[in-house]
Structure formats: structure tokens, C-alpha cells
Amino acid sequence: MKNSNTLSHSISAYRKTTKEKIDPRCIPQKLKGPVPEGKKIIYPNYSQDDHDIWKFLYLRQMKFLHGKVSDEYLHGIERLNLSSEKIPSLSYLSSILKRTTQWSIARIPGVIEVEDFFPFIKRRVFPSRDFMRNKDEMDYTPVPDPFHDIFGHMPMLTDSNFASFYQKFGEAAVNANNENRKLLERFHWFTVDFGLIKKRTGLKVYGAGIVSSLNEIKHALSDEVEILDFDPERIVHQEFEPTHIQPVLFVIESFKQLEDGFLNWIKSKGLL
């Protein structure tokens, strides 16, 4: 086991989903060296099928997100100039994030080990894939692809409070031991991946796992979900099952509350 100042080798959500039948794409890789970042990322030679998959998913998700997603997410879509026209360039998106919240993007080959993932987040670099899912994985893909990474995660990185919170998350994860690493995984799940926010017009979604999933969009704001108020200590002890539609979700009042609440919690755990 590594010391308490390094990331532990805990089981990721994607390992959990493939514990019985492993899809090779879901096996985390150890990076063997530097990966391209920002301007150094080369745009892939995508096929027309790839662009068609992006267009289908983009138009479908935007339709179902209407009236259900936070303003901050929609502002992020606008700031990144996302559209259904074609798969965006990671290099181009990186330049926008750099100007907006001092984040940038790295191109990674697939699912990577947590020891590699969170040091990126700590220094405000979002690691993204650039290979699209297959046509038979429109509704669900076991491994993140550009649609999940770009459409799901990147719009929120244009929000100053969320961007600051996520950088602190990376810092805390790098400092965590095995026990705290498990708590952080749950916090990530119920905020970054499946978070809700309370607005004057009602509850809205912002988590990447919801905004990029058709079934989760339909389910997240329904009467079938138990909605709990934001409470870091409650969140980190809430179990989750990544292969199931989420029965319990947490709601924040604002992204400032998310940033401040998380900062106070990690300080109480000695992670910052």
C-alpha cells in the first residue's frame, strides 16, 4: 500500500460495473509518459459515422434537457460553442477553458488509473478521450467517450465556483489515503456525476452522468427519486450502485455552497 500522501489503488466505479464481465476498454491503464495537452492535441480523423453519432446524441440530449438543466450548464454550452454539427476539437475547447477558468484539456488513451487521473484535476487539467462510442451503444456505453467528457463534464468547468471546487477535489484526492479515497469517490458520484441544484424555477440537474444519459434525465427529477439536502458528511457515507438508475440524489443551493462545503469538509479531514 502507498503512503497516505498518495492516491490509493481503490476500485473505480467503472471497475465495479465490469466486475463480473470485463470489457477491455474499462480496465484502467497506467500512463507510461506525458500525454498531449492543449494545442498539442491532434484532431482525430473521425468518420462520418462518428460525427453522426455525436449529432444524434447532442440533439437528443438537448431536447430532453430542456427545462431540466441548470443555467450554469447551458451557459457552459454557449461558452464552449458546442453544437450538433461535428465532434468538437479538444485543442479548441482547451483554449476556451484556459481563457474562462484557467482549466485546460489533456488527451488520454482511455480509462486511466486514479493515480494518473487526479493529478491532472489538481492542476486544472481535464483528461478526455477522443474516440466515439459505437452505434450499438447510443443509450449506454460502459466507458466514457467524447460525448460524455465534452457534453457531460466540460460545460460546468466554465463556471468559476464549480471549476474551483473541482480543482480542490483533485488536490484532496491526491492527498487521500485509502479510507478517505473511498469517501471522495462517493462525493464525486453525488455531485460531479449526479448532482442536482435548487433554482427559483425548481430542481435542475448539473451532474455529467445525468446530462449525458437519456434514462437518467428522465428519472432524476421524477417522484421515484429521494432528494436529500447537500450535506458532505451524509454524502460520503451514501452507497451507490453504478449499474442502476440512481434512487437517491443530493441537491445544492448554489455552486458557491458546493465549493465552500467541500472545502470545509476536506479541511476537517486534513486533506488540504
C-alpha atoms as a PDB file:
ATOM      1  CA  MET A   1       0.000   0.000   0.000  1.00  0.00           C
ATOM      2  CA  LYS A   2       1.222   3.513  -0.782  1.00  0.00           C
ATOM      3  CA  ASN A   3       1.640   6.129   1.920  1.00  0.00           C
ATOM      4  CA  SER A   4      -1.136   8.470   2.993  1.00  0.00           C
ATOM      5  CA  ASN A   5       0.078  11.307   0.765  1.00  0.00           C
ATOM      6  CA  THR A   6      -0.608   9.412  -2.453  1.00  0.00           C
ATOM      7  CA  LEU A   7      -3.734   8.130  -4.137  1.00  0.00           C
ATOM      8  CA  SER A   8      -4.795   4.674  -3.089  1.00  0.00           C
ATOM      9  CA  HIS A   9      -5.469   1.942  -5.595  1.00  0.00           C
ATOM     10  CA  SER A  10      -9.199   1.656  -4.848  1.00  0.00           C
ATOM     11  CA  ILE A  11     -11.798   0.096  -7.148  1.00  0.00           C
ATOM     12  CA  SER A  12     -13.249   2.696  -9.502  1.00  0.00           C
ATOM     13  CA  ALA A  13     -16.891   2.902 -10.494  1.00  0.00           C
ATOM     14  CA  TYR A  14     -16.019   1.519 -13.911  1.00  0.00           C
ATOM     15  CA  ARG A  15     -14.286  -1.469 -12.351  1.00  0.00           C
ATOM     16  CA  LYS A  16     -17.406  -2.086 -10.288  1.00  0.00           C
ATOM     17  CA  THR A  17     -19.613  -2.067 -13.376  1.00  0.00           C
ATOM     18  CA  THR A  18     -17.459  -4.696 -15.073  1.00  0.00           C
ATOM     19  CA  LYS A  19     -16.516  -6.883 -12.120  1.00  0.00           C
ATOM     20  CA  GLU A  20     -18.200  -9.996 -13.495  1.00  0.00           C
ATOM     21  CA  LYS A  21     -17.768  -9.495 -17.231  1.00  0.00           C
ATOM     22  CA  ILE A  22     -14.913  -7.176 -18.070  1.00  0.00           C
ATOM     23  CA  ASP A  23     -14.977  -5.056 -21.211  1.00  0.00           C
ATOM     24  CA  PRO A  24     -11.266  -4.491 -22.026  1.00  0.00           C
ATOM     25  CA  ARG A  25     -11.972  -0.789 -22.581  1.00  0.00           C
ATOM     26  CA  CYS A  26     -12.964  -0.482 -18.915  1.00  0.00           C
ATOM     27  CA  ILE A  27      -9.692  -1.721 -17.490  1.00  0.00           C
ATOM     28  CA  PRO A  28      -7.819   1.339 -16.177  1.00  0.00           C
ATOM     29  CA  GLN A  29      -4.490   1.979 -17.859  1.00  0.00           C
ATOM     30  CA  LYS A  30      -1.311   3.272 -16.241  1.00  0.00           C
ATOM     31  CA  LEU A  31       0.052   6.175 -18.245  1.00  0.00           C
ATOM     32  CA  LYS A  32       3.592   5.466 -19.448  1.00  0.00           C
ATOM     33  CA  GLY A  33       4.527   9.069 -20.031  1.00  0.00           C
ATOM     34  CA  PRO A  34       3.248  12.559 -20.833  1.00  0.00           C
ATOM     35  CA  VAL A  35       0.091  12.905 -22.921  1.00  0.00           C
ATOM     36  CA  PRO A  36      -0.731  15.783 -25.299  1.00  0.00           C
ATOM     37  CA  GLU A  37      -2.365  18.823 -23.750  1.00  0.00           C
ATOM     38  CA  GLY A  38      -3.973  21.936 -25.187  1.00  0.00           C
ATOM     39  CA  LYS A  39      -2.543  22.962 -28.545  1.00  0.00           C
ATOM     40  CA  LYS A  40      -0.574  19.719 -28.783  1.00  0.00           C
ATOM     41  CA  ILE A  41      -3.740  17.615 -29.126  1.00  0.00           C
ATOM     42  CA  ILE A  42      -4.211  16.491 -32.734  1.00  0.00           C
ATOM     43  CA  TYR A  43      -7.781  16.315 -34.025  1.00  0.00           C
ATOM     44  CA  PRO A  44      -8.595  12.685 -34.978  1.00  0.00           C
ATOM     45  CA  ASN A  45      -9.625  11.601 -38.445  1.00  0.00           C
ATOM     46  CA  TYR A  46     -13.223  10.956 -37.419  1.00  0.00           C
ATOM     47  CA  SER A  47     -15.512   9.064 -39.778  1.00  0.00           C
ATOM     48  CA  GLN A  48     -18.883  10.428 -40.875  1.00  0.00           C
ATOM     49  CA  ASP A  49     -20.454   7.772 -38.640  1.00  0.00           C
ATOM     50  CA  ASP A  50     -18.615   9.276 -35.663  1.00  0.00           C
ATOM     51  CA  HIS A  51     -19.968  12.742 -36.416  1.00  0.00           C
ATOM     52  CA  ASP A  52     -23.438  11.321 -36.977  1.00  0.00           C
ATOM     53  CA  ILE A  53     -23.357   9.623 -33.554  1.00  0.00           C
ATOM     54  CA  TRP A  54     -22.314  12.908 -31.919  1.00  0.00           C
ATOM     55  CA  LYS A  55     -25.101  14.770 -33.733  1.00  0.00           C
ATOM     56  CA  PHE A  56     -27.761  12.236 -32.752  1.00  0.00           C
ATOM     57  CA  LEU A  57     -26.710  12.233 -29.108  1.00  0.00           C
ATOM     58  CA  TYR A  58     -26.330  16.012 -28.915  1.00  0.00           C
ATOM     59  CA  LEU A  59     -29.761  16.760 -30.387  1.00  0.00           C
ATOM     60  CA  ARG A  60     -31.463  14.054 -28.324  1.00  0.00           C
ATOM     61  CA  GLN A  61     -29.943  15.149 -25.030  1.00  0.00           C
ATOM     62  CA  MET A  62     -30.585  18.857 -25.619  1.00  0.00           C
ATOM     63  CA  LYS A  63     -34.229  18.044 -26.323  1.00  0.00           C
ATOM     64  CA  PHE A  64     -34.675  16.139 -23.068  1.00  0.00           C
ATOM     65  CA  LEU A  65     -32.620  18.633 -21.047  1.00  0.00           C
ATOM     66  CA  HIS A  66     -34.978  21.478 -21.930  1.00  0.00           C
ATOM     67  CA  GLY A  67     -36.245  22.996 -18.681  1.00  0.00           C
ATOM     68  CA  LYS A  68     -34.381  20.424 -16.584  1.00  0.00           C
ATOM     69  CA  VAL A  69     -30.752  21.576 -16.564  1.00  0.00           C
ATOM     70  CA  SER A  70     -29.052  24.391 -14.646  1.00  0.00           C
ATOM     71  CA  ASP A  71     -28.390  27.781 -16.217  1.00  0.00           C
ATOM     72  CA  GLU A  72     -24.690  27.373 -15.435  1.00  0.00           C
ATOM     73  CA  TYR A  73     -24.563  24.256 -17.609  1.00  0.00           C
ATOM     74  CA  LEU A  74     -26.357  25.971 -20.507  1.00  0.00           C
ATOM     75  CA  HIS A  75     -24.033  28.969 -20.237  1.00  0.00           C
ATOM     76  CA  GLY A  76     -21.155  26.491 -20.466  1.00  0.00           C
ATOM     77  CA  ILE A  77     -22.594  25.020 -23.664  1.00  0.00           C
ATOM     78  CA  GLU A  78     -22.652  28.545 -25.117  1.00  0.00           C
ATOM     79  CA  ARG A  79     -19.164  29.480 -23.914  1.00  0.00           C
ATOM     80  CA  LEU A  80     -17.701  26.316 -25.454  1.00  0.00           C
ATOM     81  CA  ASN A  81     -19.624  26.908 -28.720  1.00  0.00           C
ATOM     82  CA  LEU A  82     -20.898  23.328 -28.662  1.00  0.00           C
ATOM     83  CA  SER A  83     -23.258  22.297 -31.436  1.00  0.00           C
ATOM     84  CA  SER A  84     -24.533  19.213 -33.185  1.00  0.00           C
ATOM     85  CA  GLU A  85     -22.517  19.985 -36.321  1.00  0.00           C
ATOM     86  CA  LYS A  86     -19.456  17.861 -35.527  1.00  0.00           C
ATOM     87  CA  ILE A  87     -17.342  16.467 -32.700  1.00  0.00           C
ATOM     88  CA  PRO A  88     -15.509  19.428 -31.176  1.00  0.00           C
ATOM     89  CA  SER A  89     -11.737  19.761 -31.139  1.00  0.00           C
ATOM     90  CA  LEU A  90     -10.214  19.137 -27.705  1.00  0.00           C
ATOM     91  CA  SER A  91      -7.495  21.663 -28.503  1.00  0.00           C
ATOM     92  CA  TYR A  92     -10.086  24.338 -29.308  1.00  0.00           C
ATOM     93  CA  LEU A  93     -12.131  23.578 -26.191  1.00  0.00           C
ATOM     94  CA  SER A  94      -8.964  23.708 -24.109  1.00  0.00           C
ATOM     95  CA  SER A  95      -8.191  27.222 -25.343  1.00  0.00           C
ATOM     96  CA  ILE A  96     -11.675  28.402 -24.318  1.00  0.00           C
ATOM     97  CA  LEU A  97     -11.436  26.856 -20.848  1.00  0.00           C
ATOM     98  CA  LYS A  98      -7.993  28.403 -20.386  1.00  0.00           C
ATOM     99  CA  ARG A  99      -9.392  31.871 -21.029  1.00  0.00           C
ATOM    100  CA  THR A 100     -12.504  31.246 -18.931  1.00  0.00           C
ATOM    101  CA  THR A 101     -11.434  29.465 -15.713  1.00  0.00           C
ATOM    102  CA  GLN A 102      -7.748  28.624 -16.253  1.00  0.00           C
ATOM    103  CA  TRP A 103      -8.536  24.976 -16.971  1.00  0.00           C
ATOM    104  CA  SER A 104      -7.205  23.057 -19.961  1.00  0.00           C
ATOM    105  CA  ILE A 105      -7.611  19.611 -21.525  1.00  0.00           C
ATOM    106  CA  ALA A 106      -5.352  16.577 -21.935  1.00  0.00           C
ATOM    107  CA  ARG A 107      -5.983  13.760 -24.405  1.00  0.00           C
ATOM    108  CA  ILE A 108      -5.854  10.356 -22.695  1.00  0.00           C
ATOM    109  CA  PRO A 109      -6.000   6.891 -24.340  1.00  0.00           C
ATOM    110  CA  GLY A 110      -8.897   5.502 -22.276  1.00  0.00           C
ATOM    111  CA  VAL A 111      -9.855   4.873 -18.665  1.00  0.00           C
ATOM    112  CA  ILE A 112      -6.782   5.630 -16.560  1.00  0.00           C
ATOM    113  CA  GLU A 113      -5.707   4.789 -13.026  1.00  0.00           C
ATOM    114  CA  VAL A 114      -6.742   7.192 -10.279  1.00  0.00           C
ATOM    115  CA  GLU A 115      -3.042   7.786  -9.569  1.00  0.00           C
ATOM    116  CA  ASP A 116      -2.865   9.405 -13.005  1.00  0.00           C
ATOM    117  CA  PHE A 117      -6.349  10.956 -13.176  1.00  0.00           C
ATOM    118  CA  PHE A 118      -6.454  13.165 -10.092  1.00  0.00           C
ATOM    119  CA  PRO A 119      -3.042  14.829 -10.514  1.00  0.00           C
ATOM    120  CA  PHE A 120      -4.498  16.216 -13.777  1.00  0.00           C
ATOM    121  CA  ILE A 121      -7.505  17.600 -11.901  1.00  0.00           C
ATOM    122  CA  LYS A 122      -5.268  19.052  -9.194  1.00  0.00           C
ATOM    123  CA  ARG A 123      -3.501  21.233 -11.759  1.00  0.00           C
ATOM    124  CA  ARG A 124      -6.755  22.202 -13.525  1.00  0.00           C
ATOM    125  CA  VAL A 125      -6.408  19.855 -16.490  1.00  0.00           C
ATOM    126  CA  PHE A 126      -9.383  17.732 -17.537  1.00  0.00           C
ATOM    127  CA  PRO A 127      -8.363  14.355 -19.064  1.00  0.00           C
ATOM    128  CA  SER A 128     -10.605  13.462 -22.019  1.00  0.00           C
ATOM    129  CA  ARG A 129     -10.986  10.660 -24.513  1.00  0.00           C
ATOM    130  CA  ASP A 130     -11.400  11.382 -28.226  1.00  0.00           C
ATOM    131  CA  PHE A 131     -12.753   8.069 -29.579  1.00  0.00           C
ATOM    132  CA  MET A 132     -16.525   7.860 -30.090  1.00  0.00           C
ATOM    133  CA  ARG A 133     -18.810   5.108 -28.874  1.00  0.00           C
ATOM    134  CA  ASN A 134     -20.275   2.557 -31.305  1.00  0.00           C
ATOM    135  CA  LYS A 135     -23.724   2.811 -32.884  1.00  0.00           C
ATOM    136  CA  ASP A 136     -24.977  -0.032 -30.691  1.00  0.00           C
ATOM    137  CA  GLU A 137     -24.013   1.962 -27.564  1.00  0.00           C
ATOM    138  CA  MET A 138     -26.198   5.015 -28.142  1.00  0.00           C
ATOM    139  CA  ASP A 139     -28.128   4.627 -24.890  1.00  0.00           C
ATOM    140  CA  TYR A 140     -25.285   3.354 -22.735  1.00  0.00           C
ATOM    141  CA  THR A 141     -21.536   2.951 -23.077  1.00  0.00           C
ATOM    142  CA  PRO A 142     -19.510   1.352 -20.267  1.00  0.00           C
ATOM    143  CA  VAL A 143     -16.519   3.588 -20.957  1.00  0.00           C
ATOM    144  CA  PRO A 144     -16.539   7.408 -21.195  1.00  0.00           C
ATOM    145  CA  ASP A 145     -16.232   8.815 -24.716  1.00  0.00           C
ATOM    146  CA  PRO A 146     -16.052  12.398 -26.072  1.00  0.00           C
ATOM    147  CA  PHE A 147     -19.795  12.821 -25.709  1.00  0.00           C
ATOM    148  CA  HIS A 148     -19.654  12.028 -22.001  1.00  0.00           C
ATOM    149  CA  ASP A 149     -16.450  14.006 -21.425  1.00  0.00           C
ATOM    150  CA  ILE A 150     -17.285  17.045 -23.558  1.00  0.00           C
ATOM    151  CA  PHE A 151     -21.070  17.301 -23.332  1.00  0.00           C
ATOM    152  CA  GLY A 152     -21.272  15.930 -19.795  1.00  0.00           C
ATOM    153  CA  HIS A 153     -18.331  17.468 -17.941  1.00  0.00           C
ATOM    154  CA  MET A 154     -16.815  20.415 -19.749  1.00  0.00           C
ATOM    155  CA  PRO A 155     -19.691  22.937 -19.679  1.00  0.00           C
ATOM    156  CA  MET A 156     -19.582  23.021 -15.868  1.00  0.00           C
ATOM    157  CA  LEU A 157     -15.836  23.736 -15.940  1.00  0.00           C
ATOM    158  CA  THR A 158     -16.669  27.180 -17.344  1.00  0.00           C
ATOM    159  CA  ASP A 159     -18.369  28.090 -14.032  1.00  0.00           C
ATOM    160  CA  SER A 160     -15.883  29.733 -11.654  1.00  0.00           C
ATOM    161  CA  ASN A 161     -17.204  28.159  -8.430  1.00  0.00           C
ATOM    162  CA  PHE A 162     -17.519  24.682  -9.905  1.00  0.00           C
ATOM    163  CA  ALA A 163     -14.083  24.959 -11.546  1.00  0.00           C
ATOM    164  CA  SER A 164     -12.537  25.970  -8.216  1.00  0.00           C
ATOM    165  CA  PHE A 165     -14.333  23.182  -6.350  1.00  0.00           C
ATOM    166  CA  TYR A 166     -13.148  20.557  -8.837  1.00  0.00           C
ATOM    167  CA  GLN A 167      -9.520  21.678  -8.604  1.00  0.00           C
ATOM    168  CA  LYS A 168      -9.746  21.347  -4.817  1.00  0.00           C
ATOM    169  CA  PHE A 169     -11.280  17.912  -5.296  1.00  0.00           C
ATOM    170  CA  GLY A 170      -8.231  16.830  -7.299  1.00  0.00           C
ATOM    171  CA  GLU A 171      -5.927  18.190  -4.620  1.00  0.00           C
ATOM    172  CA  ALA A 172      -7.793  16.360  -1.877  1.00  0.00           C
ATOM    173  CA  ALA A 173      -7.825  13.109  -3.878  1.00  0.00           C
ATOM    174  CA  VAL A 174      -4.070  13.251  -4.388  1.00  0.00           C
ATOM    175  CA  ASN A 175      -3.600  13.675  -0.628  1.00  0.00           C
ATOM    176  CA  ALA A 176      -6.098  10.983   0.389  1.00  0.00           C
ATOM    177  CA  ASN A 177      -5.389   7.604   1.912  1.00  0.00           C
ATOM    178  CA  ASN A 178      -7.469   4.535   1.078  1.00  0.00           C
ATOM    179  CA  GLU A 179     -10.290   5.289   3.543  1.00  0.00           C
ATOM    180  CA  ASN A 180     -10.706   8.922   2.504  1.00  0.00           C
ATOM    181  CA  ARG A 181     -10.335   7.989  -1.150  1.00  0.00           C
ATOM    182  CA  LYS A 182     -13.497   5.899  -0.868  1.00  0.00           C
ATOM    183  CA  LEU A 183     -15.346   8.822   0.737  1.00  0.00           C
ATOM    184  CA  LEU A 184     -14.197  11.139  -2.042  1.00  0.00           C
ATOM    185  CA  GLU A 185     -15.395   8.686  -4.669  1.00  0.00           C
ATOM    186  CA  ARG A 186     -18.893   8.918  -3.210  1.00  0.00           C
ATOM    187  CA  PHE A 187     -18.729  12.709  -3.042  1.00  0.00           C
ATOM    188  CA  HIS A 188     -17.699  12.817  -6.711  1.00  0.00           C
ATOM    189  CA  TRP A 189     -20.523  10.487  -7.645  1.00  0.00           C
ATOM    190  CA  PHE A 190     -23.268  12.528  -5.988  1.00  0.00           C
ATOM    191  CA  THR A 191     -22.005  15.934  -7.155  1.00  0.00           C
ATOM    192  CA  VAL A 192     -19.829  15.910 -10.275  1.00  0.00           C
ATOM    193  CA  ASP A 193     -21.627  12.906 -11.784  1.00  0.00           C
ATOM    194  CA  PHE A 194     -25.173  13.017 -10.365  1.00  0.00           C
ATOM    195  CA  GLY A 195     -25.654  16.409  -8.743  1.00  0.00           C
ATOM    196  CA  LEU A 196     -28.851  18.483  -8.588  1.00  0.00           C
ATOM    197  CA  ILE A 197     -29.223  22.196  -7.854  1.00  0.00           C
ATOM    198  CA  LYS A 198     -32.197  24.122  -6.466  1.00  0.00           C
ATOM    199  CA  LYS A 199     -33.348  27.091  -8.565  1.00  0.00           C
ATOM    200  CA  ARG A 200     -36.270  29.501  -8.260  1.00  0.00           C
ATOM    201  CA  THR A 201     -37.940  27.579 -11.075  1.00  0.00           C
ATOM    202  CA  GLY A 202     -37.437  24.228  -9.362  1.00  0.00           C
ATOM    203  CA  LEU A 203     -34.832  21.479  -9.195  1.00  0.00           C
ATOM    204  CA  LYS A 204     -32.340  21.275 -12.065  1.00  0.00           C
ATOM    205  CA  VAL A 205     -29.612  18.805 -12.982  1.00  0.00           C
ATOM    206  CA  TYR A 206     -25.924  19.563 -13.444  1.00  0.00           C
ATOM    207  CA  GLY A 207     -24.110  16.233 -12.940  1.00  0.00           C
ATOM    208  CA  ALA A 208     -22.360  14.823 -16.009  1.00  0.00           C
ATOM    209  CA  GLY A 209     -23.824  11.354 -15.504  1.00  0.00           C
ATOM    210  CA  ILE A 210     -27.330  12.779 -15.757  1.00  0.00           C
ATOM    211  CA  VAL A 211     -26.929  15.321 -18.551  1.00  0.00           C
ATOM    212  CA  SER A 212     -25.206  12.789 -20.829  1.00  0.00           C
ATOM    213  CA  SER A 213     -27.659   9.920 -20.153  1.00  0.00           C
ATOM    214  CA  LEU A 214     -31.163   9.706 -21.608  1.00  0.00           C
ATOM    215  CA  ASN A 215     -32.500   7.380 -18.911  1.00  0.00           C
ATOM    216  CA  GLU A 216     -31.029   9.415 -16.050  1.00  0.00           C
ATOM    217  CA  ILE A 217     -32.533  12.657 -17.424  1.00  0.00           C
ATOM    218  CA  LYS A 218     -35.975  11.082 -17.491  1.00  0.00           C
ATOM    219  CA  HIS A 219     -35.538   9.652 -13.993  1.00  0.00           C
ATOM    220  CA  ALA A 220     -33.571  12.247 -11.974  1.00  0.00           C
ATOM    221  CA  LEU A 221     -36.413  14.724 -11.387  1.00  0.00           C
ATOM    222  CA  SER A 222     -39.191  12.158 -11.091  1.00  0.00           C
ATOM    223  CA  ASP A 223     -41.116  11.104  -7.991  1.00  0.00           C
ATOM    224  CA  GLU A 224     -39.104   7.872  -7.935  1.00  0.00           C
ATOM    225  CA  VAL A 225     -36.001   9.641  -6.583  1.00  0.00           C
ATOM    226  CA  GLU A 226     -35.350  10.505  -2.934  1.00  0.00           C
ATOM    227  CA  ILE A 227     -33.885  14.032  -2.893  1.00  0.00           C
ATOM    228  CA  LEU A 228     -31.662  14.925   0.060  1.00  0.00           C
ATOM    229  CA  ASP A 229     -30.193  18.304   1.007  1.00  0.00           C
ATOM    230  CA  PHE A 230     -26.485  18.899   0.450  1.00  0.00           C
ATOM    231  CA  ASP A 231     -24.503  17.591   3.416  1.00  0.00           C
ATOM    232  CA  PRO A 232     -20.897  16.479   2.757  1.00  0.00           C
ATOM    233  CA  GLU A 233     -20.779  14.112   5.707  1.00  0.00           C
ATOM    234  CA  ARG A 234     -24.061  12.479   4.645  1.00  0.00           C
ATOM    235  CA  ILE A 235     -22.948  12.257   1.022  1.00  0.00           C
ATOM    236  CA  VAL A 236     -19.652  10.474   1.730  1.00  0.00           C
ATOM    237  CA  HIS A 237     -21.494   7.708   3.584  1.00  0.00           C
ATOM    238  CA  GLN A 238     -24.141   7.163   0.906  1.00  0.00           C
ATOM    239  CA  GLU A 239     -23.528   3.943  -1.039  1.00  0.00           C
ATOM    240  CA  PHE A 240     -24.196   3.867  -4.784  1.00  0.00           C
ATOM    241  CA  GLU A 241     -24.507   1.232  -7.477  1.00  0.00           C
ATOM    242  CA  PRO A 242     -23.148   2.448 -10.841  1.00  0.00           C
ATOM    243  CA  THR A 243     -25.100  -0.055 -12.944  1.00  0.00           C
ATOM    244  CA  HIS A 244     -28.517   1.053 -11.629  1.00  0.00           C
ATOM    245  CA  ILE A 245     -30.653   4.139 -12.128  1.00  0.00           C
ATOM    246  CA  GLN A 246     -29.967   6.335  -9.096  1.00  0.00           C
ATOM    247  CA  PRO A 247     -32.625   6.102  -6.314  1.00  0.00           C
ATOM    248  CA  VAL A 248     -31.054   8.798  -4.082  1.00  0.00           C
ATOM    249  CA  LEU A 249     -29.672  12.186  -5.164  1.00  0.00           C
ATOM    250  CA  PHE A 250     -28.406  15.293  -3.344  1.00  0.00           C
ATOM    251  CA  VAL A 251     -29.312  18.901  -4.107  1.00  0.00           C
ATOM    252  CA  ILE A 252     -27.169  22.010  -3.594  1.00  0.00           C
ATOM    253  CA  GLU A 253     -28.417  25.572  -3.157  1.00  0.00           C
ATOM    254  CA  SER A 254     -25.610  27.055  -5.262  1.00  0.00           C
ATOM    255  CA  PHE A 255     -22.185  26.192  -6.640  1.00  0.00           C
ATOM    256  CA  LYS A 256     -20.710  28.522  -4.019  1.00  0.00           C
ATOM    257  CA  GLN A 257     -22.274  26.235  -1.406  1.00  0.00           C
ATOM    258  CA  LEU A 258     -20.713  23.240  -3.154  1.00  0.00           C
ATOM    259  CA  GLU A 259     -17.273  24.879  -3.213  1.00  0.00           C
ATOM    260  CA  ASP A 260     -17.387  26.142   0.389  1.00  0.00           C
ATOM    261  CA  GLY A 261     -18.981  22.997   1.804  1.00  0.00           C
ATOM    262  CA  PHE A 262     -16.424  20.733   0.179  1.00  0.00           C
ATOM    263  CA  LEU A 263     -13.527  22.956   1.231  1.00  0.00           C
ATOM    264  CA  ASN A 264     -14.660  22.871   4.861  1.00  0.00           C
ATOM    265  CA  TRP A 265     -15.076  19.088   4.740  1.00  0.00           C
ATOM    266  CA  ILE A 266     -11.637  18.316   3.283  1.00  0.00           C
ATOM    267  CA  LYS A 267     -10.009  20.669   5.785  1.00  0.00           C
ATOM    268  CA  SER A 268     -11.741  18.748   8.586  1.00  0.00           C
ATOM    269  CA  LYS A 269     -10.215  15.549   7.182  1.00  0.00           C
ATOM    270  CA  GLY A 270      -6.735  17.025   6.862  1.00  0.00           C
ATOM    271  CA  LEU A 271      -6.769  16.663   3.070  1.00  0.00           C
ATOM    272  CA  LEU A 272      -5.808  20.277   2.400  1.00  0.00           C
END
